[in-house]
N, C-alpha and C. Protein backbone atom coordinates (compact mmCIF):
# COMPACT_ATOMS: atom_id res chain seq x y z
N MET A 1 23.89 -27.51 6.95
CA MET A 1 23.00 -26.25 7.34
C MET A 1 23.68 -24.86 7.11
N ARG A 2 22.57 -24.14 7.11
CA ARG A 2 22.85 -22.73 6.30
C ARG A 2 22.98 -21.90 7.38
N ALA A 3 23.76 -20.98 7.44
CA ALA A 3 23.87 -20.34 8.49
C ALA A 3 23.26 -19.12 9.03
N LEU A 4 22.57 -18.52 10.23
CA LEU A 4 21.89 -17.61 10.42
C LEU A 4 22.18 -16.66 10.78
N ASP A 5 22.33 -15.60 10.00
CA ASP A 5 22.72 -14.61 9.86
C ASP A 5 21.94 -13.00 9.42
N TYR A 6 22.01 -11.87 9.46
CA TYR A 6 21.21 -10.87 9.13
C TYR A 6 20.98 -11.16 7.84
N GLN A 7 21.77 -11.51 6.59
CA GLN A 7 21.29 -11.17 5.37
C GLN A 7 20.18 -12.55 4.71
N THR A 8 20.60 -13.66 5.46
CA THR A 8 19.78 -14.95 5.47
C THR A 8 18.36 -14.17 6.13
N ALA A 9 18.33 -13.80 7.98
CA ALA A 9 16.84 -13.49 7.94
C ALA A 9 16.38 -12.43 7.27
N PHE A 10 17.09 -11.79 6.32
CA PHE A 10 16.74 -11.01 5.41
C PHE A 10 15.90 -11.51 4.10
N GLN A 11 16.74 -12.30 3.70
CA GLN A 11 15.73 -13.33 2.51
C GLN A 11 15.25 -14.10 3.02
N LEU A 12 15.19 -14.68 3.93
CA LEU A 12 14.01 -15.88 4.27
C LEU A 12 12.65 -15.04 4.62
N ALA A 13 12.18 -14.42 5.19
CA ALA A 13 11.62 -13.44 6.04
C ALA A 13 10.40 -13.76 5.18
N PRO A 14 9.30 -14.30 5.96
CA PRO A 14 8.15 -14.95 5.76
C PRO A 14 6.86 -13.19 5.19
N VAL A 15 7.90 -12.44 5.19
CA VAL A 15 6.98 -10.90 4.63
C VAL A 15 7.77 -10.19 3.53
N GLY A 16 7.61 -9.44 2.52
CA GLY A 16 8.00 -8.67 1.35
C GLY A 16 9.28 -7.99 2.66
N LEU A 17 10.40 -7.76 2.09
CA LEU A 17 11.84 -6.27 2.75
C LEU A 17 12.14 -5.94 1.89
N VAL A 18 11.96 -4.93 2.23
CA VAL A 18 12.44 -3.56 0.87
C VAL A 18 13.30 -2.05 1.47
N LEU A 19 15.04 -2.67 1.19
CA LEU A 19 15.30 -1.26 1.86
C LEU A 19 15.45 -0.25 0.27
N SER A 20 15.25 0.94 1.01
CA SER A 20 14.89 2.44 0.09
C SER A 20 15.73 3.25 0.00
N ARG A 21 16.05 3.59 -0.58
CA ARG A 21 16.49 5.07 -0.71
C ARG A 21 15.99 5.87 -1.99
N GLU A 22 15.85 6.99 -1.55
CA GLU A 22 14.74 8.12 -2.47
C GLU A 22 13.67 7.50 -2.87
N ARG A 23 12.69 6.49 -2.72
CA ARG A 23 11.87 6.12 -2.76
C ARG A 23 11.97 5.06 -4.20
N SER A 24 13.40 4.46 -3.98
CA SER A 24 13.97 3.32 -4.81
C SER A 24 14.25 1.99 -4.20
N ILE A 25 13.94 1.03 -4.73
CA ILE A 25 14.46 -0.26 -4.49
C ILE A 25 16.16 -0.27 -4.28
N GLU A 26 16.72 -0.43 -3.40
CA GLU A 26 18.17 -0.91 -2.92
C GLU A 26 18.29 -2.07 -2.65
N ASP A 27 17.34 -2.80 -2.27
CA ASP A 27 17.18 -3.94 -1.96
C ASP A 27 15.98 -4.62 -1.48
N CYS A 28 15.87 -5.56 -1.82
CA CYS A 28 15.03 -6.68 -1.28
C CYS A 28 15.08 -7.96 -1.29
N ASN A 29 14.04 -8.63 -0.62
CA ASN A 29 14.24 -10.16 -0.43
C ASN A 29 13.12 -10.89 -1.38
N GLU A 30 13.45 -12.35 -1.32
CA GLU A 30 13.02 -13.35 -1.93
C GLU A 30 10.96 -13.13 -2.46
N GLN A 31 11.20 -13.18 -0.81
CA GLN A 31 9.61 -13.08 -0.81
C GLN A 31 8.71 -11.55 -1.00
N LEU A 32 9.36 -10.32 -1.32
CA LEU A 32 8.69 -9.66 -2.15
C LEU A 32 8.86 -10.07 -3.57
N CYS A 33 9.94 -10.65 -4.28
CA CYS A 33 9.81 -10.52 -5.36
C CYS A 33 9.02 -11.79 -5.64
N ALA A 34 8.55 -12.56 -4.72
CA ALA A 34 7.57 -13.58 -5.02
C ALA A 34 5.88 -12.67 -5.20
N ILE A 35 5.42 -12.17 -3.98
CA ILE A 35 4.72 -11.40 -4.15
C ILE A 35 3.89 -10.22 -5.11
N PHE A 36 5.07 -9.82 -6.16
CA PHE A 36 5.03 -8.62 -6.71
C PHE A 36 5.42 -9.62 -8.66
N GLY A 37 5.90 -10.36 -8.23
CA GLY A 37 6.39 -11.48 -9.84
C GLY A 37 7.26 -10.37 -10.29
N TYR A 38 8.15 -10.64 -9.62
CA TYR A 38 9.43 -9.70 -10.40
C TYR A 38 10.49 -10.74 -9.92
N THR A 39 11.47 -10.17 -11.20
CA THR A 39 13.18 -11.05 -9.99
C THR A 39 13.55 -9.86 -9.56
N ARG A 40 14.39 -9.88 -8.11
CA ARG A 40 15.38 -9.27 -7.34
C ARG A 40 16.00 -8.40 -8.55
N GLU A 41 16.53 -8.84 -9.53
CA GLU A 41 17.65 -8.41 -10.36
C GLU A 41 16.73 -6.98 -11.01
N ALA A 42 15.10 -7.65 -11.73
CA ALA A 42 14.43 -6.61 -12.49
C ALA A 42 13.75 -5.56 -11.43
N LEU A 43 13.95 -5.50 -9.89
CA LEU A 43 13.36 -4.11 -9.15
C LEU A 43 14.69 -3.55 -8.66
N ILE A 44 15.72 -4.16 -8.46
CA ILE A 44 16.99 -3.32 -7.46
C ILE A 44 17.30 -1.80 -8.50
N GLY A 45 17.03 -1.17 -7.76
CA GLY A 45 17.56 0.54 -8.50
C GLY A 45 15.98 0.79 -9.30
N LYS A 46 15.03 0.33 -9.07
CA LYS A 46 13.83 0.79 -9.77
C LYS A 46 13.14 1.88 -8.55
N SER A 47 12.48 2.96 -8.92
CA SER A 47 11.30 3.31 -8.39
C SER A 47 10.12 2.82 -7.88
N PHE A 48 9.83 2.78 -6.75
CA PHE A 48 8.37 2.10 -6.13
C PHE A 48 7.52 2.14 -7.10
N GLU A 49 7.29 3.13 -7.86
CA GLU A 49 6.40 3.60 -8.81
C GLU A 49 6.08 2.07 -9.41
N VAL A 50 6.96 1.01 -10.20
CA VAL A 50 6.66 -0.11 -10.80
C VAL A 50 5.34 -0.78 -10.32
N ILE A 51 5.43 -0.67 -8.82
CA ILE A 51 4.83 -1.26 -7.73
C ILE A 51 3.12 -0.86 -7.60
N TYR A 52 3.31 0.31 -7.83
CA TYR A 52 1.52 1.36 -7.46
C TYR A 52 1.16 1.12 -9.28
N PRO A 53 -0.88 1.19 -8.81
CA PRO A 53 -1.21 0.90 -9.83
C PRO A 53 -1.56 2.13 -10.81
N SER A 54 -0.58 3.37 -10.53
CA SER A 54 -0.58 4.57 -11.06
C SER A 54 0.58 5.42 -11.05
N PRO A 55 0.58 6.51 -11.61
CA PRO A 55 1.75 7.00 -11.41
C PRO A 55 1.38 7.92 -10.27
N ASP A 56 -0.65 8.03 -10.35
CA ASP A 56 -0.77 9.28 -9.15
C ASP A 56 -0.57 8.82 -7.90
N GLU A 57 -1.13 7.51 -7.89
CA GLU A 57 -1.37 7.03 -6.59
C GLU A 57 0.00 7.16 -5.61
N PHE A 58 0.62 6.66 -6.76
CA PHE A 58 2.75 6.57 -6.24
C PHE A 58 3.23 7.93 -5.51
N ALA A 59 2.68 9.52 -6.41
CA ALA A 59 3.08 10.34 -5.94
C ALA A 59 2.08 11.28 -4.59
N ARG A 60 0.86 10.39 -4.92
CA ARG A 60 0.00 11.07 -3.54
C ARG A 60 -0.06 9.99 -2.34
N ILE A 61 0.36 8.92 -2.10
CA ILE A 61 0.60 8.36 -1.33
C ILE A 61 2.37 8.11 -0.87
N GLY A 62 3.10 8.67 -1.55
CA GLY A 62 4.32 9.59 -1.25
C GLY A 62 3.95 10.42 -0.29
N GLY A 63 3.29 11.73 -0.49
CA GLY A 63 3.41 12.53 0.50
C GLY A 63 2.44 12.42 1.62
N ARG A 64 1.68 11.52 1.58
CA ARG A 64 1.01 10.79 2.89
C ARG A 64 2.31 10.35 3.77
N ILE A 65 2.90 9.52 3.16
CA ILE A 65 4.23 8.98 3.32
C ILE A 65 5.19 9.82 4.82
N ALA A 66 6.18 10.78 3.35
CA ALA A 66 6.59 11.85 4.08
C ALA A 66 5.88 12.76 5.48
N ALA A 67 4.35 13.25 5.07
CA ALA A 67 3.88 13.61 6.65
C ALA A 67 3.71 12.90 7.38
N ASN A 68 3.23 11.78 7.06
CA ASN A 68 3.34 10.78 8.58
C ASN A 68 4.53 10.65 8.87
N ILE A 69 5.36 9.91 8.53
CA ILE A 69 6.72 9.58 8.80
C ILE A 69 7.11 11.12 9.65
N SER A 70 7.60 11.78 9.05
CA SER A 70 7.83 13.42 9.48
C SER A 70 7.45 13.36 11.03
N LYS A 71 6.09 12.86 11.41
CA LYS A 71 5.33 13.42 12.31
C LYS A 71 5.60 12.16 13.38
N GLU A 72 5.20 11.10 13.00
CA GLU A 72 5.23 9.58 13.95
C GLU A 72 6.56 9.24 13.61
N GLY A 73 7.16 8.83 12.61
CA GLY A 73 8.37 7.89 12.84
C GLY A 73 8.41 6.93 11.51
N THR A 74 6.69 6.29 11.47
CA THR A 74 6.68 5.05 11.03
C THR A 74 5.56 5.68 10.11
N TYR A 75 5.34 4.96 9.23
CA TYR A 75 3.82 4.63 8.08
C TYR A 75 3.86 3.12 7.91
N SER A 76 2.27 3.23 7.89
CA SER A 76 1.57 1.82 7.80
C SER A 76 -0.15 2.15 6.92
N ASP A 77 -0.09 1.60 6.10
CA ASP A 77 -1.37 1.00 5.75
C ASP A 77 -1.55 -0.30 4.65
N ASP A 78 -3.16 -0.15 4.49
CA ASP A 78 -3.56 -1.22 3.75
C ASP A 78 -3.95 -0.63 2.44
N ARG A 79 -3.36 -0.91 1.13
CA ARG A 79 -3.36 -0.20 0.11
C ARG A 79 -3.33 -1.22 -1.02
N ILE A 80 -3.96 -0.49 -2.51
CA ILE A 80 -4.34 -1.67 -3.39
C ILE A 80 -2.55 -1.79 -4.05
N MET A 81 -2.41 -2.76 -4.46
CA MET A 81 -0.93 -2.31 -5.73
C MET A 81 -0.71 -3.55 -6.95
N LYS A 82 0.10 -3.31 -7.29
CA LYS A 82 -0.21 -4.21 -8.56
C LYS A 82 0.97 -5.03 -8.78
N ARG A 83 0.80 -6.26 -9.32
CA ARG A 83 2.04 -7.40 -9.44
C ARG A 83 2.38 -6.84 -10.94
N LYS A 84 3.23 -7.44 -11.31
CA LYS A 84 4.07 -7.64 -12.60
C LYS A 84 3.41 -7.70 -13.78
N ASN A 85 2.38 -8.66 -13.29
CA ASN A 85 1.23 -9.07 -14.87
C ASN A 85 0.27 -8.30 -14.64
N GLY A 86 -0.06 -7.36 -14.16
CA GLY A 86 -0.76 -6.53 -14.09
C GLY A 86 -2.36 -6.42 -12.83
N GLU A 87 -2.25 -7.41 -12.29
CA GLU A 87 -3.10 -8.22 -11.10
C GLU A 87 -2.64 -6.61 -9.86
N LEU A 88 -3.95 -6.15 -10.04
CA LEU A 88 -3.97 -5.62 -8.35
C LEU A 88 -4.66 -6.47 -7.06
N PHE A 89 -3.95 -5.79 -6.33
CA PHE A 89 -4.57 -6.96 -5.46
C PHE A 89 -4.27 -5.90 -3.59
N TRP A 90 -4.67 -6.19 -2.89
CA TRP A 90 -4.84 -5.41 -1.25
C TRP A 90 -3.55 -6.05 -0.68
N CYS A 91 -3.07 -5.09 -0.07
CA CYS A 91 -1.18 -5.31 0.35
C CYS A 91 -1.26 -4.28 1.81
N HIS A 92 -1.13 -5.07 2.77
CA HIS A 92 -0.69 -3.96 3.92
C HIS A 92 0.89 -3.91 3.61
N VAL A 93 1.25 -2.41 3.83
CA VAL A 93 2.82 -2.14 4.04
C VAL A 93 3.18 -1.17 5.24
N THR A 94 4.31 -1.62 5.88
CA THR A 94 4.93 -0.31 6.83
C THR A 94 6.34 -0.22 6.73
N GLY A 95 6.45 1.22 7.12
CA GLY A 95 7.78 1.04 6.78
C GLY A 95 8.49 2.19 8.17
N ARG A 96 9.78 2.48 7.80
CA ARG A 96 10.51 3.33 8.49
C ARG A 96 11.89 3.87 8.20
N ALA A 97 11.25 5.24 8.43
CA ALA A 97 12.90 6.06 7.77
C ALA A 97 13.92 5.61 8.84
N LEU A 98 14.91 5.86 8.07
CA LEU A 98 16.40 5.60 9.19
C LEU A 98 16.59 7.23 9.61
N ASP A 99 15.86 8.16 9.18
CA ASP A 99 15.70 9.84 9.67
C ASP A 99 14.83 10.39 9.51
N GLN A 100 13.92 10.65 10.52
CA GLN A 100 12.49 10.85 11.09
C GLN A 100 12.29 12.08 10.10
N ALA A 101 13.75 13.15 9.94
CA ALA A 101 13.48 14.35 9.38
C ALA A 101 13.38 14.20 7.77
N ALA A 102 14.38 13.06 7.19
CA ALA A 102 14.20 12.92 5.78
C ALA A 102 13.65 11.67 5.84
N PRO A 103 12.31 11.56 5.82
CA PRO A 103 11.38 10.20 5.68
C PRO A 103 11.57 9.62 4.27
N HIS A 104 12.04 10.31 3.08
CA HIS A 104 12.33 9.08 2.00
C HIS A 104 13.80 9.20 1.55
N ALA A 105 14.89 9.84 2.20
CA ALA A 105 16.22 9.28 1.79
C ALA A 105 16.78 7.99 2.22
N ALA A 106 16.06 7.12 3.27
CA ALA A 106 16.44 5.32 3.53
C ALA A 106 15.42 5.04 4.33
N GLY A 107 15.04 3.78 3.97
CA GLY A 107 14.14 3.15 4.89
C GLY A 107 14.06 1.72 4.88
N VAL A 108 13.46 1.25 6.23
CA VAL A 108 12.67 -0.32 5.55
C VAL A 108 11.49 -0.32 5.18
N TRP A 109 10.80 -1.48 5.08
CA TRP A 109 9.71 -1.36 3.88
C TRP A 109 9.28 -2.77 4.55
N THR A 110 8.05 -3.11 4.76
CA THR A 110 7.35 -4.73 4.79
C THR A 110 6.27 -4.32 4.20
N PHE A 111 5.91 -5.45 2.90
CA PHE A 111 4.65 -5.52 2.42
C PHE A 111 4.55 -6.85 2.88
N GLU A 112 3.20 -7.40 2.85
CA GLU A 112 2.51 -8.39 3.04
C GLU A 112 1.11 -8.86 2.32
N ASP A 113 1.10 -9.51 1.39
CA ASP A 113 0.26 -9.90 0.53
C ASP A 113 -1.24 -10.55 1.34
N LEU A 114 -2.00 -9.53 0.96
CA LEU A 114 -3.83 -9.70 1.62
C LEU A 114 -5.06 -10.57 0.60
N SER A 115 -4.43 -10.98 -0.17
CA SER A 115 -4.57 -11.13 -1.46
C SER A 115 -5.84 -12.22 -1.40
N ALA A 116 -5.56 -13.79 0.14
CA ALA A 116 -5.89 -14.74 0.49
C ALA A 116 -7.07 -14.26 1.29
N THR A 117 -7.22 -13.27 1.18
CA THR A 117 -8.36 -12.77 2.59
C THR A 117 -9.31 -11.67 1.72
N ARG A 118 -8.62 -10.75 0.95
CA ARG A 118 -9.41 -9.88 0.06
C ARG A 118 -8.99 -9.61 -0.78
N ARG A 119 -9.83 -9.24 -1.96
CA ARG A 119 -9.69 -9.55 -3.32
C ARG A 119 -10.33 -8.28 -3.58
N VAL A 120 -9.69 -7.80 -5.14
CA VAL A 120 -10.03 -7.04 -5.50
C VAL A 120 -10.96 -7.27 -6.89
N ALA A 121 -12.56 -7.00 -6.50
CA ALA A 121 -13.26 -8.22 -7.84
C ALA A 121 -13.71 -6.80 -9.10
N ILE A 122 -13.65 -5.46 -8.62
CA ILE A 122 -14.34 -4.60 -8.82
C ILE A 122 -12.88 -3.75 -9.82
N GLU A 123 -13.28 -3.17 -10.67
CA GLU A 123 -11.97 -2.52 -11.23
C GLU A 123 -12.35 -0.64 -10.94
N LEU A 124 -11.68 -0.13 -10.38
CA LEU A 124 -11.82 0.91 -9.35
C LEU A 124 -10.83 2.05 -10.07
N THR A 125 -11.56 3.73 -9.87
CA THR A 125 -10.35 4.66 -10.15
C THR A 125 -9.38 4.77 -9.28
N PRO A 126 -7.98 4.87 -9.45
CA PRO A 126 -7.18 5.68 -8.67
C PRO A 126 -7.67 6.37 -7.12
N ARG A 127 -8.53 7.16 -7.31
CA ARG A 127 -8.82 8.01 -6.30
C ARG A 127 -10.18 7.33 -5.28
N GLU A 128 -10.74 6.11 -5.77
CA GLU A 128 -12.14 4.88 -5.78
C GLU A 128 -11.08 3.80 -4.94
N ARG A 129 -9.36 3.40 -4.94
CA ARG A 129 -8.54 2.88 -4.22
C ARG A 129 -8.80 3.59 -2.55
N GLU A 130 -8.02 5.38 -3.26
CA GLU A 130 -7.23 5.66 -1.97
C GLU A 130 -8.83 5.36 -0.91
N ILE A 131 -10.32 5.56 -1.12
CA ILE A 131 -11.34 6.16 -0.58
C ILE A 131 -11.54 4.41 -0.18
N ALA A 132 -11.14 3.50 -0.49
CA ALA A 132 -11.49 2.22 -0.24
C ALA A 132 -10.33 2.03 1.08
N ALA A 133 -9.28 2.31 0.58
CA ALA A 133 -8.39 1.62 1.69
C ALA A 133 -8.34 2.46 2.64
N GLN A 134 -9.08 3.75 2.76
CA GLN A 134 -9.50 4.30 3.94
C GLN A 134 -10.65 3.80 4.85
N LEU A 135 -11.95 3.49 3.80
CA LEU A 135 -12.90 3.02 4.58
C LEU A 135 -12.44 1.95 5.92
N VAL A 136 -11.44 0.43 4.45
CA VAL A 136 -11.24 -0.13 5.38
C VAL A 136 -10.48 -0.02 7.35
N THR A 137 -9.97 0.99 7.32
CA THR A 137 -9.82 0.99 8.27
C THR A 137 -10.54 1.52 9.64
N GLY A 138 -11.82 1.85 9.09
CA GLY A 138 -13.35 2.45 10.10
C GLY A 138 -13.32 4.01 9.94
N LYS A 139 -12.46 4.59 9.08
CA LYS A 139 -12.82 5.87 9.11
C LYS A 139 -13.62 6.61 8.66
N THR A 140 -14.22 7.68 9.57
CA THR A 140 -15.23 8.66 9.16
C THR A 140 -14.55 9.40 7.40
N SER A 141 -16.06 9.70 7.36
CA SER A 141 -15.53 10.95 6.31
C SER A 141 -15.00 12.00 6.35
N LYS A 142 -15.02 12.59 7.33
CA LYS A 142 -14.01 13.93 7.94
C LYS A 142 -12.60 13.55 7.80
N GLN A 143 -12.15 12.00 8.48
CA GLN A 143 -11.35 11.93 8.92
C GLN A 143 -10.98 11.52 7.51
N ILE A 144 -11.17 10.81 6.36
CA ILE A 144 -10.77 10.21 5.34
C ILE A 144 -10.56 11.57 4.62
N GLY A 145 -10.86 12.73 4.66
CA GLY A 145 -11.11 14.09 4.15
C GLY A 145 -10.00 14.43 4.52
N ARG A 146 -9.41 14.41 5.64
CA ARG A 146 -8.17 15.30 6.22
C ARG A 146 -6.90 14.36 6.04
N VAL A 147 -7.06 12.94 5.68
CA VAL A 147 -5.99 12.10 5.20
C VAL A 147 -5.84 12.74 3.96
N LEU A 148 -6.86 12.84 2.88
CA LEU A 148 -6.43 12.92 1.47
C LEU A 148 -6.67 14.47 1.20
N ASP A 149 -6.77 15.05 2.06
CA ASP A 149 -6.92 16.75 1.54
C ASP A 149 -7.98 16.91 0.66
N ILE A 150 -9.24 16.21 1.13
CA ILE A 150 -10.24 16.58 0.38
C ILE A 150 -11.66 16.70 1.00
N SER A 151 -12.42 17.57 0.86
CA SER A 151 -13.78 17.84 1.16
C SER A 151 -14.28 16.24 1.78
N PRO A 152 -15.20 15.98 2.86
CA PRO A 152 -15.61 15.04 3.54
C PRO A 152 -16.91 15.10 2.67
N ARG A 153 -17.60 16.09 2.11
CA ARG A 153 -19.00 15.61 0.49
C ARG A 153 -18.26 14.87 -0.17
N THR A 154 -16.82 15.31 -0.93
CA THR A 154 -16.15 14.82 -1.84
C THR A 154 -16.02 13.15 -1.65
N VAL A 155 -15.43 13.18 -0.68
CA VAL A 155 -15.56 11.08 -0.04
C VAL A 155 -16.67 10.75 -0.18
N ASP A 156 -18.03 11.64 0.62
CA ASP A 156 -19.61 10.92 0.28
C ASP A 156 -19.48 10.12 -0.80
N ILE A 157 -19.33 11.58 -2.12
CA ILE A 157 -19.77 11.34 -3.41
C ILE A 157 -19.03 9.82 -3.51
N TYR A 158 -17.49 9.47 -3.61
CA TYR A 158 -16.81 8.49 -3.93
C TYR A 158 -17.44 7.00 -3.25
N ARG A 159 -18.14 7.75 -1.94
CA ARG A 159 -18.68 6.55 -1.16
C ARG A 159 -19.64 5.66 -1.86
N ALA A 160 -20.78 7.22 -2.77
CA ALA A 160 -21.61 6.54 -2.98
C ALA A 160 -21.14 5.91 -4.19
N LYS A 161 -20.37 6.29 -4.72
CA LYS A 161 -19.44 5.70 -6.15
C LYS A 161 -19.69 4.08 -6.01
N LEU A 162 -18.68 3.50 -5.12
CA LEU A 162 -18.11 2.88 -4.57
C LEU A 162 -19.03 1.73 -3.87
N MET A 163 -20.25 2.18 -3.53
CA MET A 163 -21.80 1.34 -3.06
C MET A 163 -22.64 0.90 -4.19
N ARG A 164 -22.21 1.71 -5.37
CA ARG A 164 -23.02 1.66 -6.91
C ARG A 164 -22.45 0.17 -7.35
N LYS A 165 -20.79 0.85 -7.15
CA LYS A 165 -20.25 -0.39 -7.79
C LYS A 165 -20.17 -1.82 -7.51
N TYR A 166 -20.11 -1.64 -6.01
CA TYR A 166 -20.07 -3.15 -5.64
C TYR A 166 -21.71 -3.60 -5.09
N ASP A 167 -22.60 -2.77 -5.37
CA ASP A 167 -24.09 -3.15 -5.60
C ASP A 167 -24.39 -3.51 -4.01
N THR A 168 -24.25 -2.57 -3.21
CA THR A 168 -24.56 -2.46 -1.69
C THR A 168 -25.57 -1.21 -1.22
N GLY A 169 -26.02 -1.48 -0.35
CA GLY A 169 -27.57 -0.57 0.21
C GLY A 169 -26.82 0.45 1.32
N ASN A 170 -25.48 -0.13 1.51
CA ASN A 170 -25.02 0.99 3.03
C ASN A 170 -23.88 0.71 3.25
N ALA A 171 -23.46 1.49 4.09
CA ALA A 171 -22.30 1.32 4.30
C ALA A 171 -21.35 0.25 4.63
N THR A 172 -22.28 -0.46 5.94
CA THR A 172 -22.37 -1.98 6.47
C THR A 172 -21.79 -2.76 5.32
N GLU A 173 -22.21 -2.88 4.00
CA GLU A 173 -22.34 -4.00 3.29
C GLU A 173 -20.79 -3.98 2.63
N LEU A 174 -21.23 -2.57 2.25
CA LEU A 174 -19.69 -2.09 1.70
C LEU A 174 -18.20 -2.73 1.97
N LEU A 175 -18.19 -2.13 3.24
CA LEU A 175 -16.89 -2.31 4.14
C LEU A 175 -17.04 -3.95 3.76
N GLN A 176 -18.14 -4.94 4.47
CA GLN A 176 -17.87 -6.26 4.06
C GLN A 176 -17.35 -6.66 2.62
N ARG A 177 -17.67 -6.10 1.41
CA ARG A 177 -17.47 -6.38 0.11
C ARG A 177 -16.10 -6.26 0.30
N LEU A 178 -15.39 -4.58 0.60
CA LEU A 178 -14.04 -4.66 0.63
C LEU A 178 -13.34 -4.98 1.51
N LEU A 179 -13.84 -5.92 2.62
CA LEU A 179 -13.10 -6.70 3.58
C LEU A 179 -13.09 -8.18 2.81
N GLY A 180 -13.84 -8.58 1.83
CA GLY A 180 -14.00 -9.86 1.50
C GLY A 180 -14.51 -10.74 2.14
N SER A 181 -15.63 -10.02 3.27
CA SER A 181 -16.29 -10.89 3.82
C SER A 181 -17.48 -11.16 3.05
């Protein structure tokens, strides 16, 4: 029988786990590798950028992470991420820094694959993905604008683009499509 210790618990956790340093993967577990399609060796020492859909999203979300951890101590969101094969999928991400004053210095992160219940069926731009990720949390245009540091009118324009892409008649239908229901 395998000994139950912290290393075993880390490796066998039912969610993807990462120990990070300066936005790079210092260690990760088997589940993270299964979610993203990489070997552990291919991820150790790599920037988190490899699992983001674009460098722009990596930079923008990194800024929001730092601000939120500095203020709240933790960060959590649902966002679209990228597997090794290029497939985009919804993922729930939660993290905590070891030092709240240095949010990217070192931390612990969890990743949960949401693709079984939420599909990425339509190709979206990076900004559309960010708006969609905020919409599924129930935020208003004004709240989304504050989070993304853009005007509420810009959010409304992107919401309208999403409604056209998803062929929906109203915001409720759009939300249902984004949530996969």
